[in-house]
Protein backbone atom coordinates (compact mmCIF):
# COMPACT_ATOMS: atom_id res chain seq x y z
CA MET A 1 104.44 104.08 97.04
CA LYS A 2 103.84 103.38 93.45
CA LEU A 3 101.16 100.76 92.92
CA ILE A 4 100.05 99.00 89.76
CA VAL A 5 97.16 96.60 89.35
CA ILE A 6 97.35 94.12 86.48
CA ASP A 7 94.80 91.70 85.15
CA ARG A 8 96.00 88.15 84.60
CA ASP A 9 94.43 86.35 81.61
CA GLY A 10 95.10 88.11 78.29
CA THR A 11 97.39 90.61 79.97
CA ILE A 12 100.16 88.57 81.74
CA ASN A 13 99.38 85.06 80.19
CA VAL A 14 97.60 83.81 77.04
CA ASP A 15 93.89 83.64 77.62
CA SER A 16 91.68 80.69 76.77
CA ASP A 17 87.85 80.54 76.33
CA ASP A 18 88.25 77.12 77.95
CA TYR A 19 89.82 78.83 81.10
CA ILE A 20 93.36 78.29 82.34
CA LYS A 21 92.78 75.19 84.47
CA SER A 22 96.35 74.01 85.35
CA PRO A 23 99.93 75.35 85.62
CA ALA A 24 100.71 73.49 82.29
CA GLU A 25 98.00 75.62 80.53
CA TRP A 26 99.47 78.91 81.94
CA LYS A 27 101.60 80.43 79.21
CA PRO A 28 103.07 83.98 79.64
CA ILE A 29 102.65 86.50 76.85
CA ARG A 30 105.92 87.40 75.26
CA GLY A 31 107.56 90.17 77.22
CA ALA A 32 105.02 90.22 80.09
CA ILE A 33 107.13 88.48 82.79
CA GLU A 34 110.10 90.79 82.01
CA ALA A 35 107.61 93.82 82.11
CA ILE A 36 106.57 92.84 85.68
CA ALA A 37 110.25 92.51 86.57
CA ARG A 38 111.05 95.93 85.16
CA LEU A 39 108.18 97.43 87.12
CA SER A 40 109.39 95.85 90.35
CA GLN A 41 112.90 97.01 89.77
CA ALA A 42 111.56 100.55 89.33
CA ASP A 43 110.01 100.32 92.78
CA TRP A 44 106.49 99.62 91.62
CA ARG A 45 104.43 97.44 93.78
CA VAL A 46 102.74 94.94 91.47
CA VAL A 47 99.33 93.45 92.37
CA VAL A 48 97.32 91.06 90.08
CA ALA A 49 93.56 91.35 90.06
CA THR A 50 91.80 88.55 88.28
CA ASN A 51 88.25 87.21 87.76
CA GLN A 52 88.44 83.48 88.21
CA SER A 53 84.91 82.11 87.54
CA GLY A 54 86.45 78.69 86.76
CA LEU A 55 86.43 78.23 90.52
CA GLY A 56 82.70 78.91 90.71
CA ARG A 57 82.15 76.65 87.75
CA ARG A 58 84.12 73.95 89.48
CA LEU A 59 86.60 73.65 86.58
CA PHE A 60 89.46 73.70 89.13
CA GLY A 61 89.94 74.25 92.84
CA VAL A 62 91.81 76.64 94.95
CA ALA A 63 94.81 74.46 95.23
CA THR A 64 95.07 74.36 91.41
CA LEU A 65 94.69 78.17 91.24
CA ASN A 66 97.42 78.51 93.81
CA ALA A 67 99.65 76.23 91.81
CA ILE A 68 99.11 78.38 88.67
CA HIS A 69 99.97 81.46 90.63
CA THR A 70 103.03 79.80 92.15
CA ALA A 71 104.16 79.11 88.50
CA MET A 72 103.61 82.82 87.79
CA HIS A 73 105.43 83.96 90.91
CA ARG A 74 108.37 81.81 90.03
CA ALA A 75 108.65 83.06 86.39
CA VAL A 76 108.51 86.61 87.56
CA ALA A 77 111.23 85.94 90.35
CA GLN A 78 113.47 84.22 87.84
CA ALA A 79 113.31 87.39 85.70
CA GLY A 80 114.35 89.50 88.77
CA GLY A 81 110.93 90.71 89.79
CA ARG A 82 108.05 90.19 92.20
CA ILE A 83 104.35 90.10 92.39
CA ASP A 84 103.35 91.70 95.76
CA ALA A 85 99.87 90.20 95.93
CA ILE A 86 97.16 88.47 93.88
CA PHE A 87 93.49 89.12 94.43
CA PHE A 88 90.83 87.05 92.71
CA CYS A 89 87.06 86.85 92.35
CA PRO A 90 85.82 83.26 92.37
CA HIS A 91 82.18 84.16 91.46
CA LEU A 92 80.11 83.63 88.34
CA PRO A 93 78.97 86.62 86.43
CA GLU A 94 75.32 86.01 87.38
CA ASP A 95 76.28 85.97 91.14
CA GLY A 96 76.08 89.73 91.23
CA CYS A 97 78.96 90.16 93.61
CA GLY A 98 80.85 93.46 94.01
CA CYS A 99 84.31 91.99 93.60
CA ARG A 100 83.86 90.74 90.01
CA LYS A 101 85.16 93.11 87.46
CA PRO A 102 83.59 95.36 85.97
CA GLN A 103 82.50 96.05 89.57
CA PRO A 104 85.07 98.06 91.55
CA GLY A 105 84.96 95.95 94.79
CA MET A 106 88.33 94.07 94.25
CA LEU A 107 90.16 97.36 93.37
CA HIS A 108 88.77 99.00 96.52
CA GLU A 109 89.87 96.05 98.64
CA ILE A 110 93.43 96.25 97.04
CA ALA A 111 93.57 100.02 97.76
CA GLU A 112 92.57 99.47 101.40
CA ARG A 113 95.05 96.59 102.00
CA MET A 114 97.86 98.39 100.10
CA ASN A 115 97.11 101.78 101.69
CA ALA A 116 96.88 103.46 98.25
CA LYS A 117 94.83 106.17 96.62
CA LEU A 118 93.33 104.62 93.53
CA SER A 119 93.45 107.93 91.66
CA GLU A 120 97.13 107.31 91.51
CA VAL A 121 97.01 103.64 90.34
CA PRO A 122 97.14 102.44 86.85
CA VAL A 123 94.95 99.40 86.29
CA VAL A 124 96.00 97.33 83.29
CA GLY A 125 93.81 94.91 81.47
CA ASP A 126 92.68 93.59 78.15
CA SER A 127 88.96 93.59 78.40
CA LEU A 128 86.25 96.20 78.71
CA ARG A 129 85.40 95.01 82.26
CA ASP A 130 88.97 95.67 83.36
CA VAL A 131 88.91 99.31 82.28
CA GLN A 132 85.31 99.73 83.47
CA ALA A 133 86.31 98.47 86.87
CA ALA A 134 89.29 100.92 86.88
CA ALA A 135 87.18 103.82 85.92
CA ALA A 136 84.46 102.92 88.46
CA ALA A 137 86.99 102.82 91.21
CA GLY A 138 88.56 106.12 90.18
CA ALA A 139 91.83 104.53 89.07
CA GLN A 140 93.75 105.02 85.84
CA PRO A 141 92.37 102.66 83.15
CA PHE A 142 95.12 101.22 80.82
CA LEU A 143 94.05 98.93 77.99
CA VAL A 144 96.62 96.47 76.38
CA LEU A 145 95.96 95.09 72.96
CA THR A 146 97.00 91.51 73.92
CA GLY A 147 94.35 88.87 74.72
CA LYS A 148 90.96 90.42 74.05
CA GLY A 149 92.45 93.98 73.90
CA LYS A 150 92.25 94.52 70.06
CA ALA A 151 88.63 93.43 70.01
CA THR A 152 87.80 95.55 73.00
CA HIS A 153 89.57 98.59 71.44
CA ASN A 154 87.85 98.05 68.15
CA ALA A 155 84.37 97.73 69.71
CA GLY A 156 84.78 101.23 71.32
CA GLY A 157 82.93 102.41 74.36
CA LEU A 158 86.06 102.68 76.47
CA PRO A 159 85.82 104.77 79.58
CA ALA A 160 87.03 108.35 79.27
CA GLY A 161 90.77 108.68 79.91
CA THR A 162 91.54 105.10 79.00
CA ARG A 163 95.18 104.80 77.84
CA VAL A 164 95.87 102.25 75.20
CA PHE A 165 99.12 100.30 74.98
CA ALA A 166 100.44 97.44 72.73
CA ASP A 167 101.21 95.13 75.60
CA LEU A 168 102.39 94.93 79.22
CA ALA A 169 105.98 95.63 78.12
CA SER A 170 104.83 98.93 76.60
CA VAL A 171 103.10 99.83 79.89
CA ALA A 172 106.32 99.04 81.77
CA GLU A 173 108.33 101.15 79.39
CA HIS A 174 106.12 103.99 79.87
CA LEU A 175 105.93 103.75 83.69
CA ALA A 176 109.44 102.70 84.54
CA ARG A 177 111.25 105.58 82.93
């Protein structure tokens, strides 16, 4: 099985410092939905892994988060693809949980549930914490330059072996050959 784990905000959809708090605020990044469809059509199992501290901050509830994810699922399905699962961490950074990226807990849970070896799994994100979580879990860190990606790349300090791509469409082009 080919498995890819993709961050949500800044990688699939436009990020906001004010959080994505409703389906109306969820706007896909150009080419990202089609990239997920392309990966699906190339027999990749697509899993989304996202920190959602807006839940812990009580900016929105689980029903709203599910509605946002339903909108994302629909957009991907309309493009001919699928998202196999979505994992999220609701905790605040100061909670010290093991599932919030850059900790690798969420990725370990995904590997266990999907019966996958993380060493074979690309983990795609736009922030340092995304690629740090990938490296800590023994996965393949992929940084995209959308969202916070350019600033992350320019700041340096990426884990060894991090591959850099312009966007999720470039990742899909690379992997779906």
